[in-house]
PDB file of all heavy atoms in Angstrom:
ATOM      1  N   ASP A   1      18.457   3.378  14.942  1.00  0.00           N
ATOM      2  CA  ASP A   1      19.032   2.074  15.281  1.00  0.00           C
ATOM      3  C   ASP A   1      18.021   0.951  15.152  1.00  0.00           C
ATOM      4  O   ASP A   1      18.341  -0.143  14.669  1.00  0.00           O
ATOM      5  CB  ASP A   1      19.600   2.101  16.707  1.00  0.00           C
ATOM      6  CG  ASP A   1      20.850   2.959  16.825  1.00  0.00           C
ATOM      7  OD1 ASP A   1      21.478   3.212  15.772  1.00  0.00           O
ATOM      8  OD2 ASP A   1      21.178   3.373  17.951  1.00  0.00           O
ATOM      9  N   GLN A   2      16.786   1.209  15.586  1.00  0.00           N
ATOM     10  CA  GLN A   2      15.785   0.153  15.642  1.00  0.00           C
ATOM     11  C   GLN A   2      14.719   0.245  14.552  1.00  0.00           C
ATOM     12  O   GLN A   2      13.903  -0.659  14.409  1.00  0.00           O
ATOM     13  CB  GLN A   2      15.089   0.160  17.013  1.00  0.00           C
ATOM     14  CG  GLN A   2      16.039   0.040  18.187  1.00  0.00           C
ATOM     15  CD  GLN A   2      16.825  -1.258  18.179  1.00  0.00           C
ATOM     16  OE1 GLN A   2      16.302  -2.295  17.775  1.00  0.00           O
ATOM     17  NE2 GLN A   2      18.079  -1.194  18.591  1.00  0.00           N
ATOM     18  N   GLU A   3      14.717   1.343  13.815  1.00  0.00           N
ATOM     19  CA  GLU A   3      13.659   1.519  12.826  1.00  0.00           C
ATOM     20  C   GLU A   3      14.121   2.402  11.669  1.00  0.00           C
ATOM     21  O   GLU A   3      15.064   3.175  11.794  1.00  0.00           O
ATOM     22  CB  GLU A   3      12.409   2.122  13.482  1.00  0.00           C
ATOM     23  CG  GLU A   3      12.690   3.387  14.253  1.00  0.00           C
ATOM     24  CD  GLU A   3      11.574   3.750  15.218  1.00  0.00           C
ATOM     25  OE1 GLU A   3      10.605   2.992  15.321  1.00  0.00           O
ATOM     26  OE2 GLU A   3      11.692   4.801  15.877  1.00  0.00           O
ATOM     27  N   LEU A   4      13.423   2.228  10.558  1.00  0.00           N
ATOM     28  CA  LEU A   4      13.680   3.005   9.349  1.00  0.00           C
ATOM     29  C   LEU A   4      12.364   3.629   8.908  1.00  0.00           C
ATOM     30  O   LEU A   4      11.353   2.933   8.780  1.00  0.00           O
ATOM     31  CB  LEU A   4      14.221   2.089   8.239  1.00  0.00           C
ATOM     32  CG  LEU A   4      14.293   2.666   6.826  1.00  0.00           C
ATOM     33  CD1 LEU A   4      15.285   3.825   6.760  1.00  0.00           C
ATOM     34  CD2 LEU A   4      14.676   1.572   5.825  1.00  0.00           C
ATOM     35  N   TYR A   5      12.379   4.939   8.693  1.00  0.00           N
ATOM     36  CA  TYR A   5      11.188   5.618   8.197  1.00  0.00           C
ATOM     37  C   TYR A   5      11.356   5.901   6.711  1.00  0.00           C
ATOM     38  O   TYR A   5      12.423   6.338   6.260  1.00  0.00           O
ATOM     39  CB  TYR A   5      10.950   6.917   8.972  1.00  0.00           C
ATOM     40  CG  TYR A   5      10.428   6.672  10.365  1.00  0.00           C
ATOM     41  CD1 TYR A   5      11.301   6.562  11.441  1.00  0.00           C
ATOM     42  CD2 TYR A   5       9.060   6.513  10.602  1.00  0.00           C
ATOM     43  CE1 TYR A   5      10.824   6.311  12.727  1.00  0.00           C
ATOM     44  CE2 TYR A   5       8.579   6.263  11.874  1.00  0.00           C
ATOM     45  CZ  TYR A   5       9.458   6.163  12.925  1.00  0.00           C
ATOM     46  OH  TYR A   5       8.976   5.908  14.187  1.00  0.00           O
ATOM     47  N   LEU A   6      10.284   5.636   5.969  1.00  0.00           N
ATOM     48  CA  LEU A   6      10.314   5.784   4.519  1.00  0.00           C
ATOM     49  C   LEU A   6       9.108   6.571   4.061  1.00  0.00           C
ATOM     50  O   LEU A   6       8.042   6.546   4.696  1.00  0.00           O
ATOM     51  CB  LEU A   6      10.307   4.409   3.824  1.00  0.00           C
ATOM     52  CG  LEU A   6      11.366   3.415   4.283  1.00  0.00           C
ATOM     53  CD1 LEU A   6      10.701   2.267   5.016  1.00  0.00           C
ATOM     54  CD2 LEU A   6      12.181   2.913   3.103  1.00  0.00           C
ATOM     55  N   GLN A   7       9.254   7.251   2.938  1.00  0.00           N
ATOM     56  CA  GLN A   7       8.136   7.964   2.334  1.00  0.00           C
ATOM     57  C   GLN A   7       7.807   7.315   1.000  1.00  0.00           C
ATOM     58  O   GLN A   7       8.691   7.049   0.189  1.00  0.00           O
ATOM     59  CB  GLN A   7       8.494   9.429   2.103  1.00  0.00           C
ATOM     60  CG  GLN A   7       7.324  10.271   1.571  1.00  0.00           C
ATOM     61  CD  GLN A   7       7.751  11.685   1.246  1.00  0.00           C
ATOM     62  OE1 GLN A   7       8.293  11.973   0.193  1.00  0.00           O
ATOM     63  NE2 GLN A   7       7.491  12.596   2.173  1.00  0.00           N
ATOM     64  N   GLY A   8       6.526   7.042   0.810  1.00  0.00           N
ATOM     65  CA  GLY A   8       6.067   6.473  -0.447  1.00  0.00           C
ATOM     66  C   GLY A   8       5.079   7.406  -1.120  1.00  0.00           C
ATOM     67  O   GLY A   8       4.206   7.979  -0.461  1.00  0.00           O
ATOM     68  N   SER A   9       5.223   7.603  -2.421  1.00  0.00           N
ATOM     69  CA  SER A   9       4.292   8.466  -3.156  1.00  0.00           C
ATOM     70  C   SER A   9       4.278   8.070  -4.615  1.00  0.00           C
ATOM     71  O   SER A   9       5.178   7.381  -5.108  1.00  0.00           O
ATOM     72  CB  SER A   9       4.677   9.942  -3.011  1.00  0.00           C
ATOM     73  OG  SER A   9       5.937  10.188  -3.621  1.00  0.00           O
ATOM     74  N   SER A  10       3.254   8.496  -5.303  1.00  0.00           N
ATOM     75  CA  SER A  10       3.149   8.269  -6.743  1.00  0.00           C
ATOM     76  C   SER A  10       2.258   9.348  -7.324  1.00  0.00           C
ATOM     77  O   SER A  10       1.768  10.226  -6.612  1.00  0.00           O
ATOM     78  CB  SER A  10       2.569   6.882  -7.035  1.00  0.00           C
ATOM     79  OG  SER A  10       1.171   6.845  -6.757  1.00  0.00           O
ATOM     80  N   PHE A  11       2.030   9.286  -8.613  1.00  0.00           N
ATOM     81  CA  PHE A  11       1.151  10.266  -9.249  1.00  0.00           C
ATOM     82  C   PHE A  11      -0.248  10.241  -8.644  1.00  0.00           C
ATOM     83  O   PHE A  11      -0.928  11.272  -8.586  1.00  0.00           O
ATOM     84  CB  PHE A  11       1.059  10.005 -10.754  1.00  0.00           C
ATOM     85  CG  PHE A  11       2.349  10.176 -11.485  1.00  0.00           C
ATOM     86  CD1 PHE A  11       2.999   9.098 -12.058  1.00  0.00           C
ATOM     87  CD2 PHE A  11       2.928  11.428 -11.601  1.00  0.00           C
ATOM     88  CE1 PHE A  11       4.192   9.253 -12.727  1.00  0.00           C
ATOM     89  CE2 PHE A  11       4.123  11.602 -12.276  1.00  0.00           C
ATOM     90  CZ  PHE A  11       4.763  10.510 -12.833  1.00  0.00           C
ATOM     91  N   ILE A  12      -0.687   9.070  -8.177  1.00  0.00           N
ATOM     92  CA  ILE A  12      -2.052   8.935  -7.673  1.00  0.00           C
ATOM     93  C   ILE A  12      -2.126   8.841  -6.153  1.00  0.00           C
ATOM     94  O   ILE A  12      -3.215   8.732  -5.595  1.00  0.00           O
ATOM     95  CB  ILE A  12      -2.757   7.719  -8.303  1.00  0.00           C
ATOM     96  CG1 ILE A  12      -2.024   6.421  -7.968  1.00  0.00           C
ATOM     97  CG2 ILE A  12      -2.883   7.901  -9.809  1.00  0.00           C
ATOM     98  CD1 ILE A  12      -2.745   5.161  -8.467  1.00  0.00           C
ATOM     99  N   ASN A  13      -0.975   8.862  -5.477  1.00  0.00           N
ATOM    100  CA  ASN A  13      -0.947   8.783  -4.016  1.00  0.00           C
ATOM    101  C   ASN A  13      -0.077   9.893  -3.454  1.00  0.00           C
ATOM    102  O   ASN A  13       1.119   9.964  -3.752  1.00  0.00           O
ATOM    103  CB  ASN A  13      -0.388   7.441  -3.541  1.00  0.00           C
ATOM    104  CG  ASN A  13      -1.274   6.264  -3.892  1.00  0.00           C
ATOM    105  OD1 ASN A  13      -0.837   5.328  -4.542  1.00  0.00           O
ATOM    106  ND2 ASN A  13      -2.530   6.320  -3.471  1.00  0.00           N
ATOM    107  N   ALA A  14      -0.690  10.752  -2.632  1.00  0.00           N
ATOM    108  CA  ALA A  14       0.093  11.756  -1.919  1.00  0.00           C
ATOM    109  C   ALA A  14       1.060  11.051  -0.971  1.00  0.00           C
ATOM    110  O   ALA A  14       0.891   9.870  -0.656  1.00  0.00           O
ATOM    111  CB  ALA A  14      -0.839  12.679  -1.145  1.00  0.00           C
ATOM    112  N   PRO A  15       2.111  11.745  -0.516  1.00  0.00           N
ATOM    113  CA  PRO A  15       3.123  11.093   0.319  1.00  0.00           C
ATOM    114  C   PRO A  15       2.545  10.370   1.533  1.00  0.00           C
ATOM    115  O   PRO A  15       1.681  10.893   2.235  1.00  0.00           O
ATOM    116  CB  PRO A  15       4.019  12.263   0.744  1.00  0.00           C
ATOM    117  CG  PRO A  15       3.906  13.238  -0.381  1.00  0.00           C
ATOM    118  CD  PRO A  15       2.474  13.141  -0.831  1.00  0.00           C
ATOM    119  N   ARG A  16       3.038   9.156   1.738  1.00  0.00           N
ATOM    120  CA  ARG A  16       2.660   8.340   2.887  1.00  0.00           C
ATOM    121  C   ARG A  16       3.921   8.023   3.676  1.00  0.00           C
ATOM    122  O   ARG A  16       5.000   7.861   3.100  1.00  0.00           O
ATOM    123  CB  ARG A  16       2.029   7.017   2.440  1.00  0.00           C
ATOM    124  CG  ARG A  16       0.746   7.163   1.658  1.00  0.00           C
ATOM    125  CD  ARG A  16       0.227   5.801   1.221  1.00  0.00           C
ATOM    126  NE  ARG A  16      -1.124   5.885   0.677  1.00  0.00           N
ATOM    127  CZ  ARG A  16      -1.859   4.831   0.337  1.00  0.00           C
ATOM    128  NH1 ARG A  16      -1.374   3.616   0.497  1.00  0.00           N
ATOM    129  NH2 ARG A  16      -3.074   4.982  -0.142  1.00  0.00           N
ATOM    130  N   LEU A  17       3.783   7.885   4.972  1.00  0.00           N
ATOM    131  CA  LEU A  17       4.912   7.572   5.835  1.00  0.00           C
ATOM    132  C   LEU A  17       4.817   6.116   6.292  1.00  0.00           C
ATOM    133  O   LEU A  17       3.774   5.674   6.752  1.00  0.00           O
ATOM    134  CB  LEU A  17       4.940   8.499   7.052  1.00  0.00           C
ATOM    135  CG  LEU A  17       6.146   8.370   7.996  1.00  0.00           C
ATOM    136  CD1 LEU A  17       7.432   8.746   7.275  1.00  0.00           C
ATOM    137  CD2 LEU A  17       5.948   9.253   9.225  1.00  0.00           C
ATOM    138  N   TYR A  18       5.921   5.380   6.131  1.00  0.00           N
ATOM    139  CA  TYR A  18       6.000   3.988   6.548  1.00  0.00           C
ATOM    140  C   TYR A  18       7.113   3.833   7.591  1.00  0.00           C
ATOM    141  O   TYR A  18       8.112   4.563   7.575  1.00  0.00           O
ATOM    142  CB  TYR A  18       6.312   3.066   5.365  1.00  0.00           C
ATOM    143  CG  TYR A  18       5.253   3.037   4.292  1.00  0.00           C
ATOM    144  CD1 TYR A  18       5.296   3.936   3.223  1.00  0.00           C
ATOM    145  CD2 TYR A  18       4.224   2.115   4.336  1.00  0.00           C
ATOM    146  CE1 TYR A  18       4.331   3.910   2.231  1.00  0.00           C
ATOM    147  CE2 TYR A  18       3.251   2.076   3.345  1.00  0.00           C
ATOM    148  CZ  TYR A  18       3.308   2.978   2.293  1.00  0.00           C
ATOM    149  OH  TYR A  18       2.352   2.946   1.320  1.00  0.00           O
ATOM    150  N   ARG A  19       6.929   2.857   8.467  1.00  0.00           N
ATOM    151  CA  ARG A  19       7.947   2.511   9.456  1.00  0.00           C
ATOM    152  C   ARG A  19       8.320   1.049   9.289  1.00  0.00           C
ATOM    153  O   ARG A  19       7.454   0.173   9.246  1.00  0.00           O
ATOM    154  CB  ARG A  19       7.417   2.741  10.874  1.00  0.00           C
ATOM    155  CG  ARG A  19       8.375   2.308  11.984  1.00  0.00           C
ATOM    156  CD  ARG A  19       7.704   2.406  13.348  1.00  0.00           C
ATOM    157  NE  ARG A  19       8.579   1.918  14.416  1.00  0.00           N
ATOM    158  CZ  ARG A  19       8.664   0.644  14.790  1.00  0.00           C
ATOM    159  NH1 ARG A  19       7.922  -0.278  14.168  1.00  0.00           N
ATOM    160  NH2 ARG A  19       9.474   0.288  15.767  1.00  0.00           N
ATOM    161  N   LEU A  20       9.628   0.790   9.180  1.00  0.00           N
ATOM    162  CA  LEU A  20      10.104  -0.584   9.090  1.00  0.00           C
ATOM    163  C   LEU A  20      10.912  -0.898  10.350  1.00  0.00           C
ATOM    164  O   LEU A  20      11.891  -0.212  10.660  1.00  0.00           O
ATOM    165  CB  LEU A  20      10.970  -0.792   7.845  1.00  0.00           C
ATOM    166  CG  LEU A  20      11.303  -2.254   7.526  1.00  0.00           C
ATOM    167  CD1 LEU A  20      11.283  -2.499   6.020  1.00  0.00           C
ATOM    168  CD2 LEU A  20      12.661  -2.653   8.087  1.00  0.00           C
ATOM    169  N   ASP A  21      10.481  -1.913  11.057  1.00  0.00           N
ATOM    170  CA  ASP A  21      11.155  -2.343  12.274  1.00  0.00           C
ATOM    171  C   ASP A  21      12.433  -3.099  11.896  1.00  0.00           C
ATOM    172  O   ASP A  21      12.380  -4.132  11.225  1.00  0.00           O
ATOM    173  CB  ASP A  21      10.224  -3.259  13.078  1.00  0.00           C
ATOM    174  CG  ASP A  21      10.766  -3.587  14.461  1.00  0.00           C
ATOM    175  OD1 ASP A  21      11.952  -3.959  14.551  1.00  0.00           O
ATOM    176  OD2 ASP A  21      10.004  -3.475  15.442  1.00  0.00           O
ATOM    177  N   ARG A  22      13.590  -2.590  12.312  1.00  0.00           N
ATOM    178  CA  ARG A  22      14.854  -3.184  11.905  1.00  0.00           C
ATOM    179  C   ARG A  22      15.198  -4.442  12.693  1.00  0.00           C
ATOM    180  O   ARG A  22      16.191  -5.115  12.392  1.00  0.00           O
ATOM    181  CB  ARG A  22      15.980  -2.150  12.017  1.00  0.00           C
ATOM    182  CG  ARG A  22      15.775  -0.949  11.097  1.00  0.00           C
ATOM    183  CD  ARG A  22      16.953  -0.014  11.107  1.00  0.00           C
ATOM    184  NE  ARG A  22      18.117  -0.627  10.482  1.00  0.00           N
ATOM    185  CZ  ARG A  22      19.313  -0.042  10.402  1.00  0.00           C
ATOM    186  NH1 ARG A  22      19.487   1.165  10.938  1.00  0.00           N
ATOM    187  NH2 ARG A  22      20.317  -0.648   9.822  1.00  0.00           N
ATOM    188  N   LYS A  23      14.380  -4.788  13.684  1.00  0.00           N
ATOM    189  CA  LYS A  23      14.568  -6.055  14.389  1.00  0.00           C
ATOM    190  C   LYS A  23      13.787  -7.176  13.737  1.00  0.00           C
ATOM    191  O   LYS A  23      14.261  -8.299  13.589  1.00  0.00           O
ATOM    192  CB  LYS A  23      14.143  -5.912  15.855  1.00  0.00           C
ATOM    193  CG  LYS A  23      15.150  -5.182  16.741  1.00  0.00           C
ATOM    194  CD  LYS A  23      14.709  -5.261  18.198  1.00  0.00           C
ATOM    195  CE  LYS A  23      15.760  -4.657  19.123  1.00  0.00           C
ATOM    196  NZ  LYS A  23      15.345  -4.751  20.555  1.00  0.00           N
ATOM    197  N   THR A  24      12.553  -6.872  13.344  1.00  0.00           N
ATOM    198  CA  THR A  24      11.657  -7.910  12.821  1.00  0.00           C
ATOM    199  C   THR A  24      11.448  -7.841  11.315  1.00  0.00           C
ATOM    200  O   THR A  24      10.981  -8.805  10.700  1.00  0.00           O
ATOM    201  CB  THR A  24      10.285  -7.808  13.497  1.00  0.00           C
ATOM    202  OG1 THR A  24       9.666  -6.564  13.120  1.00  0.00           O
ATOM    203  CG2 THR A  24      10.432  -7.860  15.014  1.00  0.00           C
ATOM    204  N   GLY A  25      11.725  -6.677  10.693  1.00  0.00           N
ATOM    205  CA  GLY A  25      11.453  -6.500   9.281  1.00  0.00           C
ATOM    206  C   GLY A  25      10.011  -6.146   8.995  1.00  0.00           C
ATOM    207  O   GLY A  25       9.612  -6.031   7.832  1.00  0.00           O
ATOM    208  N   GLU A  26       9.206  -5.940  10.055  1.00  0.00           N
ATOM    209  CA  GLU A  26       7.791  -5.610   9.860  1.00  0.00           C
ATOM    210  C   GLU A  26       7.641  -4.187   9.316  1.00  0.00           C
ATOM    211  O   GLU A  26       8.257  -3.245   9.826  1.00  0.00           O
ATOM    212  CB  GLU A  26       7.039  -5.737  11.176  1.00  0.00           C
ATOM    213  CG  GLU A  26       5.551  -5.426  11.057  1.00  0.00           C
ATOM    214  CD  GLU A  26       4.843  -5.475  12.392  1.00  0.00           C
ATOM    215  OE1 GLU A  26       5.526  -5.606  13.435  1.00  0.00           O
ATOM    216  OE2 GLU A  26       3.601  -5.356  12.407  1.00  0.00           O
ATOM    217  N   LEU A  27       6.804  -4.033   8.301  1.00  0.00           N
ATOM    218  CA  LEU A  27       6.525  -2.735   7.696  1.00  0.00           C
ATOM    219  C   LEU A  27       5.125  -2.297   8.090  1.00  0.00           C
ATOM    220  O   LEU A  27       4.156  -3.029   7.898  1.00  0.00           O
ATOM    221  CB  LEU A  27       6.631  -2.815   6.173  1.00  0.00           C
ATOM    222  CG  LEU A  27       6.425  -1.511   5.396  1.00  0.00           C
ATOM    223  CD1 LEU A  27       7.617  -0.573   5.599  1.00  0.00           C
ATOM    224  CD2 LEU A  27       6.240  -1.798   3.904  1.00  0.00           C
ATOM    225  N   THR A  28       5.008  -1.090   8.654  1.00  0.00           N
ATOM    226  CA  THR A  28       3.699  -0.575   9.052  1.00  0.00           C
ATOM    227  C   THR A  28       3.462   0.780   8.421  1.00  0.00           C
ATOM    228  O   THR A  28       4.393   1.558   8.180  1.00  0.00           O
ATOM    229  CB  THR A  28       3.584  -0.447  10.577  1.00  0.00           C
ATOM    230  OG1 THR A  28       4.663   0.355  11.075  1.00  0.00           O
ATOM    231  CG2 THR A  28       3.625  -1.821  11.232  1.00  0.00           C
ATOM    232  N   PHE A  29       2.205   1.064   8.155  1.00  0.00           N
ATOM    233  CA  PHE A  29       1.781   2.325   7.568  1.00  0.00           C
ATOM    234  C   PHE A  29       1.526   3.321   8.689  1.00  0.00           C
ATOM    235  O   PHE A  29       0.783   3.034   9.629  1.00  0.00           O
ATOM    236  CB  PHE A  29       0.516   2.083   6.738  1.00  0.00           C
ATOM    237  CG  PHE A  29      -0.155   3.312   6.227  1.00  0.00           C
ATOM    238  CD1 PHE A  29       0.510   4.212   5.408  1.00  0.00           C
ATOM    239  CD2 PHE A  29      -1.470   3.572   6.543  1.00  0.00           C
ATOM    240  CE1 PHE A  29      -0.115   5.340   4.934  1.00  0.00           C
ATOM    241  CE2 PHE A  29      -2.116   4.700   6.074  1.00  0.00           C
ATOM    242  CZ  PHE A  29      -1.429   5.586   5.266  1.00  0.00           C
ATOM    243  N   VAL A  30       2.165   4.495   8.626  1.00  0.00           N
ATOM    244  CA  VAL A  30       2.055   5.469   9.707  1.00  0.00           C
ATOM    245  C   VAL A  30       0.971   6.488   9.432  1.00  0.00           C
ATOM    246  O   VAL A  30       0.008   6.618  10.186  1.00  0.00           O
ATOM    247  CB  VAL A  30       3.413   6.166   9.953  1.00  0.00           C
ATOM    248  CG1 VAL A  30       3.297   7.163  11.104  1.00  0.00           C
ATOM    249  CG2 VAL A  30       4.493   5.129  10.261  1.00  0.00           C
ATOM    250  N   LYS A  31       1.098   7.239   8.335  1.00  0.00           N
ATOM    251  CA  LYS A  31       0.086   8.256   8.064  1.00  0.00           C
ATOM    252  C   LYS A  31       0.194   8.768   6.636  1.00  0.00           C
ATOM    253  O   LYS A  31       1.188   8.569   5.950  1.00  0.00           O
ATOM    254  CB  LYS A  31       0.225   9.436   9.023  1.00  0.00           C
ATOM    255  CG  LYS A  31       1.509  10.246   8.817  1.00  0.00           C
ATOM    256  CD  LYS A  31       1.531  11.477   9.722  1.00  0.00           C
ATOM    257  CE  LYS A  31       2.787  12.315   9.457  1.00  0.00           C
ATOM    258  NZ  LYS A  31       2.814  13.543  10.277  1.00  0.00           N
ATOM    259  N   ASN A  32      -0.879   9.456   6.185  1.00  0.00           N
ATOM    260  CA  ASN A  32      -0.897  10.184   4.925  1.00  0.00           C
ATOM    261  C   ASN A  32      -0.574  11.645   5.197  1.00  0.00           C
ATOM    262  O   ASN A  32      -0.884  12.173   6.251  1.00  0.00           O
ATOM    263  CB  ASN A  32      -2.286  10.162   4.276  1.00  0.00           C
ATOM    264  CG  ASN A  32      -2.675   8.793   3.808  1.00  0.00           C
ATOM    265  OD1 ASN A  32      -1.847   7.912   3.712  1.00  0.00           O
ATOM    266  ND2 ASN A  32      -3.952   8.630   3.517  1.00  0.00           N
ATOM    267  N   ASP A  33       0.010  12.308   4.208  1.00  0.00           N
ATOM    268  CA  ASP A  33       0.174  13.753   4.312  1.00  0.00           C
ATOM    269  C   ASP A  33      -1.116  14.493   3.963  1.00  0.00           C
ATOM    270  O   ASP A  33      -1.391  15.574   4.452  1.00  0.00           O
ATOM    271  CB  ASP A  33       1.298  14.231   3.391  1.00  0.00           C
ATOM    272  CG  ASP A  33       2.668  14.017   4.025  1.00  0.00           C
ATOM    273  OD1 ASP A  33       2.710  13.465   5.139  1.00  0.00           O
ATOM    274  OD2 ASP A  33       3.667  14.401   3.407  1.00  0.00           O
ATOM    275  N   THR A  34      -1.922  13.922   3.062  1.00  0.00           N
ATOM    276  CA  THR A  34      -3.197  14.539   2.680  1.00  0.00           C
ATOM    277  C   THR A  34      -4.235  13.453   2.518  1.00  0.00           C
ATOM    278  O   THR A  34      -3.945  12.264   2.580  1.00  0.00           O
ATOM    279  CB  THR A  34      -3.084  15.318   1.344  1.00  0.00           C
ATOM    280  OG1 THR A  34      -3.102  14.386   0.248  1.00  0.00           O
ATOM    281  CG2 THR A  34      -1.829  16.154   1.271  1.00  0.00           C
ATOM    282  N   SER A  35      -5.467  13.871   2.264  1.00  0.00           N
ATOM    283  CA  SER A  35      -6.560  12.910   2.082  1.00  0.00           C
ATOM    284  C   SER A  35      -6.671  12.437   0.644  1.00  0.00           C
ATOM    285  O   SER A  35      -7.575  11.671   0.317  1.00  0.00           O
ATOM    286  CB  SER A  35      -7.879  13.556   2.507  1.00  0.00           C
ATOM    287  OG  SER A  35      -8.157  14.690   1.684  1.00  0.00           O
ATOM    288  N   GLU A  36      -5.764  12.868  -0.224  1.00  0.00           N
ATOM    289  CA  GLU A  36      -5.912  12.550  -1.639  1.00  0.00           C
ATOM    290  C   GLU A  36      -5.552  11.113  -1.977  1.00  0.00           C
ATOM    291  O   GLU A  36      -5.579  10.725  -3.136  1.00  0.00           O
ATOM    292  CB  GLU A  36      -5.088  13.531  -2.485  1.00  0.00           C
ATOM    293  CG  GLU A  36      -5.683  14.928  -2.483  1.00  0.00           C
ATOM    294  CD  GLU A  36      -4.929  15.910  -3.373  1.00  0.00           C
ATOM    295  OE1 GLU A  36      -3.885  15.525  -3.929  1.00  0.00           O
ATOM    296  OE2 GLU A  36      -5.389  17.043  -3.502  1.00  0.00           O
ATOM    297  N   ASN A  37      -5.195  10.316  -0.955  1.00  0.00           N
ATOM    298  CA  ASN A  37      -4.987   8.902  -1.211  1.00  0.00           C
ATOM    299  C   ASN A  37      -6.314   8.167  -1.403  1.00  0.00           C
ATOM    300  O   ASN A  37      -6.356   7.074  -1.942  1.00  0.00           O
ATOM    301  CB  ASN A  37      -4.195   8.272  -0.067  1.00  0.00           C
ATOM    302  CG  ASN A  37      -2.717   8.625  -0.146  1.00  0.00           C
ATOM    303  OD1 ASN A  37      -2.018   8.187  -1.036  1.00  0.00           O
ATOM    304  ND2 ASN A  37      -2.274   9.450   0.789  1.00  0.00           N
ATOM    305  N   ALA A  38      -7.399   8.745  -0.924  1.00  0.00           N
ATOM    306  CA  ALA A  38      -8.717   8.135  -1.077  1.00  0.00           C
ATOM    307  C   ALA A  38      -9.304   8.550  -2.420  1.00  0.00           C
ATOM    308  O   ALA A  38     -10.049   9.511  -2.529  1.00  0.00           O
ATOM    309  CB  ALA A  38      -9.632   8.566   0.066  1.00  0.00           C
ATOM    310  N   ASN A  39      -8.941   7.834  -3.467  1.00  0.00           N
ATOM    311  CA  ASN A  39      -9.413   8.179  -4.803  1.00  0.00           C
ATOM    312  C   ASN A  39      -9.736   6.918  -5.586  1.00  0.00           C
ATOM    313  O   ASN A  39      -9.528   5.802  -5.115  1.00  0.00           O
ATOM    314  CB  ASN A  39      -8.368   9.037  -5.547  1.00  0.00           C
ATOM    315  CG  ASN A  39      -7.018   8.335  -5.679  1.00  0.00           C
ATOM    316  OD1 ASN A  39      -6.936   7.217  -6.172  1.00  0.00           O
ATOM    317  ND2 ASN A  39      -5.956   8.998  -5.234  1.00  0.00           N
ATOM    318  N   THR A  40     -10.243   7.098  -6.774  1.00  0.00           N
ATOM    319  CA  THR A  40     -10.643   5.968  -7.608  1.00  0.00           C
ATOM    320  C   THR A  40      -9.592   5.615  -8.649  1.00  0.00           C
ATOM    321  O   THR A  40      -9.842   4.807  -9.535  1.00  0.00           O
ATOM    322  CB  THR A  40     -11.969   6.287  -8.326  1.00  0.00           C
ATOM    323  OG1 THR A  40     -11.783   7.470  -9.135  1.00  0.00           O
ATOM    324  CG2 THR A  40     -13.075   6.523  -7.326  1.00  0.00           C
ATOM    325  N   PHE A  41      -8.416   6.223  -8.552  1.00  0.00           N
ATOM    326  CA  PHE A  41      -7.367   5.965  -9.532  1.00  0.00           C
ATOM    327  C   PHE A  41      -6.682   4.632  -9.251  1.00  0.00           C
ATOM    328  O   PHE A  41      -6.733   4.106  -8.143  1.00  0.00           O
ATOM    329  CB  PHE A  41      -6.336   7.093  -9.527  1.00  0.00           C
ATOM    330  CG  PHE A  41      -6.930   8.455  -9.777  1.00  0.00           C
ATOM    331  CD1 PHE A  41      -6.575   9.536  -8.993  1.00  0.00           C
ATOM    332  CD2 PHE A  41      -7.840   8.647 -10.802  1.00  0.00           C
ATOM    333  CE1 PHE A  41      -7.118  10.792  -9.216  1.00  0.00           C
ATOM    334  CE2 PHE A  41      -8.392   9.901 -11.039  1.00  0.00           C
ATOM    335  CZ  PHE A  41      -8.030  10.969 -10.247  1.00  0.00           C
TER     336      PHE A  41
END
């Protein structure tokens, strides 16, 4: 009711979890599934 959880990923980014507040529209980064987001790509 108050929030939307989303998963973002790409070839160079392992899945990330985002939270969007459905009252304010604010998007926040929750966590990574792995450490492979820290790369030079």
